[in-house]
Amino acid sequence: MKKTYKTGFKLGLGLFIIGVLFAALNHGLLEYVNWTLNIFVGYPLFLTLGLAFIIAPGPEIGKLKDGKDIKKLLTDSKSSDKIIWILFSLLGIAGMFVIIYYYGLQ
């Protein structure tokens, strides 16, 4: 039997992979070139939000094609899933500030 993954899990996996790539690019650029792009500093948010969607994927809604599908994913989810997403998002935002402070970025 083929295992199917929920839409939120797939979204979380994609966000987590983007977070890992941005972390590697950010680290490489800062260590070797002493330069970075602002978007690369956001990798803690991508990582934590990706983990949140992997842990609590929400309801199955099919493919995410437009903003209405994302809104449906967010509105049809259980409260516990939403709380996990919010907590992990706040953790990611705090991580961004730690990265900015650690590297002395402005």
N, C-alpha and C. Protein backbone atom coordinates (compact mmCIF):
# COMPACT_ATOMS: atom_id res chain seq x y z
N MET A 1 0.83 -1.18 0.00
CA MET A 1 0.00 0.00 0.00
C MET A 1 0.88 1.25 0.00
N LYS A 2 0.57 2.18 -0.85
CA LYS A 2 1.35 3.41 -0.99
C LYS A 2 1.01 4.38 0.13
N LYS A 3 2.06 4.89 0.80
CA LYS A 3 1.85 5.86 1.88
C LYS A 3 1.70 7.24 1.27
N THR A 4 0.64 7.93 1.65
CA THR A 4 0.43 9.30 1.18
C THR A 4 0.70 10.26 2.33
N TYR A 5 1.31 11.37 2.01
CA TYR A 5 1.64 12.38 3.01
C TYR A 5 0.67 13.54 2.89
N LYS A 6 0.34 14.14 4.03
CA LYS A 6 -0.56 15.29 4.03
C LYS A 6 0.12 16.49 3.39
N THR A 7 -0.70 17.40 2.92
CA THR A 7 -0.21 18.61 2.26
C THR A 7 0.71 19.41 3.18
N GLY A 8 0.33 19.53 4.45
CA GLY A 8 1.14 20.28 5.40
C GLY A 8 2.51 19.66 5.61
N PHE A 9 2.58 18.32 5.59
CA PHE A 9 3.86 17.63 5.73
C PHE A 9 4.77 17.95 4.55
N LYS A 10 4.21 17.93 3.36
CA LYS A 10 5.00 18.26 2.16
C LYS A 10 5.47 19.71 2.22
N LEU A 11 4.60 20.61 2.64
CA LEU A 11 4.96 22.02 2.79
C LEU A 11 6.07 22.17 3.82
N GLY A 12 5.95 21.46 4.94
CA GLY A 12 6.96 21.51 5.98
C GLY A 12 8.30 20.99 5.52
N LEU A 13 8.28 19.91 4.76
CA LEU A 13 9.53 19.35 4.23
C LEU A 13 10.20 20.34 3.29
N GLY A 14 9.41 20.98 2.44
CA GLY A 14 9.97 21.99 1.53
C GLY A 14 10.56 23.17 2.28
N LEU A 15 9.85 23.67 3.29
CA LEU A 15 10.36 24.79 4.09
C LEU A 15 11.64 24.40 4.83
N PHE A 16 11.68 23.18 5.35
CA PHE A 16 12.86 22.72 6.07
C PHE A 16 14.07 22.63 5.14
N ILE A 17 13.86 22.11 3.94
CA ILE A 17 14.96 22.01 2.96
C ILE A 17 15.45 23.40 2.57
N ILE A 18 14.53 24.34 2.36
CA ILE A 18 14.92 25.72 2.05
C ILE A 18 15.72 26.30 3.21
N GLY A 19 15.29 26.03 4.44
CA GLY A 19 16.02 26.51 5.61
C GLY A 19 17.43 25.96 5.69
N VAL A 20 17.60 24.68 5.39
CA VAL A 20 18.94 24.08 5.40
C VAL A 20 19.81 24.71 4.31
N LEU A 21 19.27 24.89 3.12
CA LEU A 21 20.04 25.51 2.04
C LEU A 21 20.42 26.95 2.38
N PHE A 22 19.47 27.72 2.91
CA PHE A 22 19.77 29.10 3.29
C PHE A 22 20.80 29.16 4.41
N ALA A 23 20.73 28.22 5.36
CA ALA A 23 21.71 28.19 6.45
C ALA A 23 23.11 27.92 5.90
N ALA A 24 23.22 26.97 4.98
CA ALA A 24 24.53 26.66 4.40
C ALA A 24 25.06 27.85 3.60
N LEU A 25 24.21 28.46 2.79
CA LEU A 25 24.64 29.63 2.01
C LEU A 25 25.02 30.80 2.90
N ASN A 26 24.23 31.04 3.94
CA ASN A 26 24.51 32.14 4.85
C ASN A 26 25.84 31.92 5.57
N HIS A 27 26.05 30.72 6.06
CA HIS A 27 27.29 30.42 6.77
C HIS A 27 28.49 30.55 5.84
N GLY A 28 28.39 29.99 4.65
CA GLY A 28 29.49 30.07 3.70
C GLY A 28 29.82 31.49 3.30
N LEU A 29 28.80 32.27 3.00
CA LEU A 29 29.03 33.66 2.60
C LEU A 29 29.63 34.49 3.74
N LEU A 30 29.12 34.30 4.95
CA LEU A 30 29.62 35.10 6.07
C LEU A 30 31.03 34.69 6.48
N GLU A 31 31.32 33.41 6.44
CA GLU A 31 32.64 32.94 6.88
C GLU A 31 33.73 33.23 5.85
N TYR A 32 33.43 33.08 4.59
CA TYR A 32 34.48 33.16 3.57
C TYR A 32 34.50 34.47 2.80
N VAL A 33 33.37 35.14 2.68
CA VAL A 33 33.31 36.38 1.90
C VAL A 33 32.97 37.58 2.80
N ASN A 34 32.50 37.30 4.02
CA ASN A 34 32.07 38.33 4.96
C ASN A 34 30.94 39.19 4.37
N TRP A 35 29.97 38.52 3.76
CA TRP A 35 28.85 39.17 3.09
C TRP A 35 27.67 38.22 3.11
N THR A 36 26.45 38.76 3.14
CA THR A 36 25.26 37.91 3.08
C THR A 36 24.10 38.69 2.47
N LEU A 37 23.08 37.97 2.08
CA LEU A 37 21.82 38.57 1.64
C LEU A 37 20.83 38.51 2.80
N ASN A 38 19.97 39.49 2.90
CA ASN A 38 19.02 39.55 4.01
C ASN A 38 18.13 38.31 4.08
N ILE A 39 17.75 37.74 2.95
CA ILE A 39 16.85 36.59 2.95
C ILE A 39 17.51 35.37 3.60
N PHE A 40 18.84 35.27 3.49
CA PHE A 40 19.52 34.12 4.07
C PHE A 40 19.51 34.15 5.60
N VAL A 41 19.33 35.32 6.19
CA VAL A 41 19.27 35.43 7.64
C VAL A 41 17.97 34.83 8.17
N GLY A 42 16.99 34.64 7.32
CA GLY A 42 15.70 34.09 7.73
C GLY A 42 15.66 32.58 7.85
N TYR A 43 16.81 31.92 7.75
CA TYR A 43 16.78 30.46 7.77
C TYR A 43 16.24 29.86 9.07
N PRO A 44 16.43 30.47 10.25
CA PRO A 44 15.81 29.85 11.43
C PRO A 44 14.28 29.78 11.33
N LEU A 45 13.67 30.78 10.71
CA LEU A 45 12.22 30.77 10.55
C LEU A 45 11.79 29.66 9.59
N PHE A 46 12.52 29.49 8.48
CA PHE A 46 12.19 28.41 7.55
C PHE A 46 12.35 27.05 8.22
N LEU A 47 13.44 26.87 8.99
CA LEU A 47 13.69 25.60 9.66
C LEU A 47 12.60 25.28 10.68
N THR A 48 12.30 26.25 11.54
CA THR A 48 11.32 25.97 12.60
C THR A 48 9.90 25.84 12.06
N LEU A 49 9.54 26.65 11.09
CA LEU A 49 8.21 26.52 10.50
C LEU A 49 8.09 25.20 9.73
N GLY A 50 9.16 24.80 9.07
CA GLY A 50 9.17 23.50 8.40
C GLY A 50 8.97 22.36 9.40
N LEU A 51 9.68 22.42 10.53
CA LEU A 51 9.50 21.40 11.56
C LEU A 51 8.09 21.42 12.12
N ALA A 52 7.52 22.60 12.29
CA ALA A 52 6.15 22.71 12.81
C ALA A 52 5.16 22.03 11.87
N PHE A 53 5.31 22.23 10.57
CA PHE A 53 4.39 21.59 9.62
C PHE A 53 4.65 20.09 9.50
N ILE A 54 5.88 19.66 9.74
CA ILE A 54 6.15 18.22 9.74
C ILE A 54 5.52 17.57 10.97
N ILE A 55 5.63 18.23 12.12
CA ILE A 55 5.07 17.69 13.36
C ILE A 55 3.54 17.75 13.36
N ALA A 56 2.98 18.88 12.94
CA ALA A 56 1.52 19.08 12.93
C ALA A 56 1.10 19.52 11.53
N PRO A 57 0.89 18.56 10.61
CA PRO A 57 0.64 18.93 9.21
C PRO A 57 -0.73 19.53 8.92
N GLY A 58 -1.68 19.41 9.82
CA GLY A 58 -3.02 19.95 9.54
C GLY A 58 -3.83 19.01 8.67
N PRO A 59 -4.98 19.47 8.16
CA PRO A 59 -5.85 18.61 7.37
C PRO A 59 -5.32 18.39 5.95
N GLU A 60 -5.80 17.34 5.32
CA GLU A 60 -5.43 17.07 3.93
C GLU A 60 -6.35 17.89 3.03
N ILE A 61 -5.77 18.73 2.17
CA ILE A 61 -6.59 19.56 1.28
C ILE A 61 -6.22 19.39 -0.18
N GLY A 62 -5.29 18.52 -0.48
CA GLY A 62 -4.85 18.36 -1.86
C GLY A 62 -3.68 19.27 -2.16
N LYS A 63 -3.58 19.70 -3.39
CA LYS A 63 -2.45 20.54 -3.79
C LYS A 63 -2.71 22.00 -3.43
N LEU A 64 -1.63 22.68 -3.04
CA LEU A 64 -1.71 24.12 -2.77
C LEU A 64 -1.50 24.85 -4.09
N LYS A 65 -2.58 25.37 -4.65
CA LYS A 65 -2.49 26.02 -5.96
C LYS A 65 -2.50 27.53 -5.86
N ASP A 66 -3.20 28.07 -4.89
CA ASP A 66 -3.27 29.53 -4.76
C ASP A 66 -3.50 29.90 -3.30
N GLY A 67 -3.71 31.17 -3.05
CA GLY A 67 -3.88 31.67 -1.70
C GLY A 67 -5.11 31.11 -1.00
N LYS A 68 -6.14 30.77 -1.77
CA LYS A 68 -7.35 30.21 -1.17
C LYS A 68 -7.07 28.85 -0.54
N ASP A 69 -6.21 28.06 -1.19
CA ASP A 69 -5.87 26.75 -0.64
C ASP A 69 -5.06 26.88 0.65
N ILE A 70 -4.16 27.85 0.69
CA ILE A 70 -3.38 28.08 1.90
C ILE A 70 -4.29 28.57 3.02
N LYS A 71 -5.23 29.45 2.69
CA LYS A 71 -6.19 29.93 3.69
C LYS A 71 -7.03 28.77 4.21
N LYS A 72 -7.42 27.87 3.33
CA LYS A 72 -8.21 26.70 3.74
C LYS A 72 -7.39 25.81 4.67
N LEU A 73 -6.11 25.64 4.37
CA LEU A 73 -5.24 24.85 5.24
C LEU A 73 -5.17 25.47 6.63
N LEU A 74 -5.05 26.79 6.68
CA LEU A 74 -4.92 27.47 7.97
C LEU A 74 -6.24 27.51 8.74
N THR A 75 -7.36 27.70 8.05
CA THR A 75 -8.64 27.82 8.76
C THR A 75 -9.22 26.46 9.15
N ASP A 76 -8.96 25.42 8.39
CA ASP A 76 -9.53 24.10 8.69
C ASP A 76 -8.70 23.29 9.67
N SER A 77 -7.58 23.82 10.12
CA SER A 77 -6.70 23.08 11.03
C SER A 77 -7.22 23.11 12.46
N LYS A 78 -6.79 22.11 13.23
CA LYS A 78 -7.15 22.06 14.65
C LYS A 78 -6.41 23.16 15.39
N SER A 79 -6.94 23.54 16.52
CA SER A 79 -6.32 24.59 17.34
C SER A 79 -4.93 24.18 17.81
N SER A 80 -4.75 22.90 18.12
CA SER A 80 -3.44 22.43 18.58
C SER A 80 -2.39 22.60 17.49
N ASP A 81 -2.76 22.34 16.24
CA ASP A 81 -1.83 22.54 15.12
C ASP A 81 -1.46 24.02 14.99
N LYS A 82 -2.46 24.88 15.10
CA LYS A 82 -2.21 26.32 14.98
C LYS A 82 -1.29 26.82 16.09
N ILE A 83 -1.48 26.30 17.31
CA ILE A 83 -0.62 26.70 18.43
C ILE A 83 0.81 26.27 18.17
N ILE A 84 1.00 25.06 17.68
CA ILE A 84 2.35 24.58 17.36
C ILE A 84 2.97 25.46 16.29
N TRP A 85 2.22 25.81 15.25
CA TRP A 85 2.76 26.66 14.18
C TRP A 85 3.17 28.02 14.72
N ILE A 86 2.35 28.60 15.58
CA ILE A 86 2.66 29.92 16.13
C ILE A 86 3.89 29.86 17.03
N LEU A 87 3.96 28.85 17.91
CA LEU A 87 5.10 28.74 18.81
C LEU A 87 6.41 28.54 18.04
N PHE A 88 6.38 27.67 17.04
CA PHE A 88 7.59 27.44 16.25
C PHE A 88 7.95 28.68 15.43
N SER A 89 6.95 29.42 14.96
CA SER A 89 7.23 30.67 14.24
C SER A 89 7.91 31.68 15.15
N LEU A 90 7.42 31.82 16.37
CA LEU A 90 8.05 32.73 17.32
C LEU A 90 9.47 32.30 17.65
N LEU A 91 9.68 31.00 17.76
CA LEU A 91 11.03 30.48 17.99
C LEU A 91 11.95 30.82 16.82
N GLY A 92 11.43 30.70 15.60
CA GLY A 92 12.22 31.04 14.41
C GLY A 92 12.54 32.52 14.33
N ILE A 93 11.59 33.36 14.69
CA ILE A 93 11.83 34.81 14.69
C ILE A 93 12.89 35.16 15.73
N ALA A 94 12.80 34.54 16.90
CA ALA A 94 13.84 34.76 17.92
C ALA A 94 15.20 34.29 17.41
N GLY A 95 15.22 33.17 16.69
CA GLY A 95 16.46 32.68 16.10
C GLY A 95 17.05 33.65 15.09
N MET A 96 16.19 34.31 14.33
CA MET A 96 16.68 35.32 13.38
C MET A 96 17.37 36.46 14.10
N PHE A 97 16.78 36.91 15.21
CA PHE A 97 17.41 37.99 15.97
C PHE A 97 18.73 37.55 16.59
N VAL A 98 18.80 36.30 17.02
CA VAL A 98 20.06 35.78 17.55
C VAL A 98 21.13 35.77 16.47
N ILE A 99 20.77 35.35 15.26
CA ILE A 99 21.72 35.33 14.14
C ILE A 99 22.17 36.75 13.81
N ILE A 100 21.25 37.69 13.77
CA ILE A 100 21.59 39.08 13.47
C ILE A 100 22.54 39.63 14.54
N TYR A 101 22.26 39.33 15.81
CA TYR A 101 23.12 39.81 16.89
C TYR A 101 24.48 39.12 16.86
N TYR A 102 24.49 37.80 16.64
CA TYR A 102 25.73 37.02 16.65
C TYR A 102 26.70 37.50 15.57
N TYR A 103 26.20 37.71 14.37
CA TYR A 103 27.06 38.14 13.27
C TYR A 103 27.23 39.66 13.20
N GLY A 104 26.51 40.40 14.03
CA GLY A 104 26.62 41.85 14.04
C GLY A 104 26.08 42.49 12.77
N LEU A 105 24.99 41.93 12.24
CA LEU A 105 24.39 42.46 11.01
C LEU A 105 23.49 43.64 11.33
N GLN A 106 23.29 44.50 10.34
CA GLN A 106 22.41 45.66 10.54
C GLN A 106 21.36 45.71 9.47
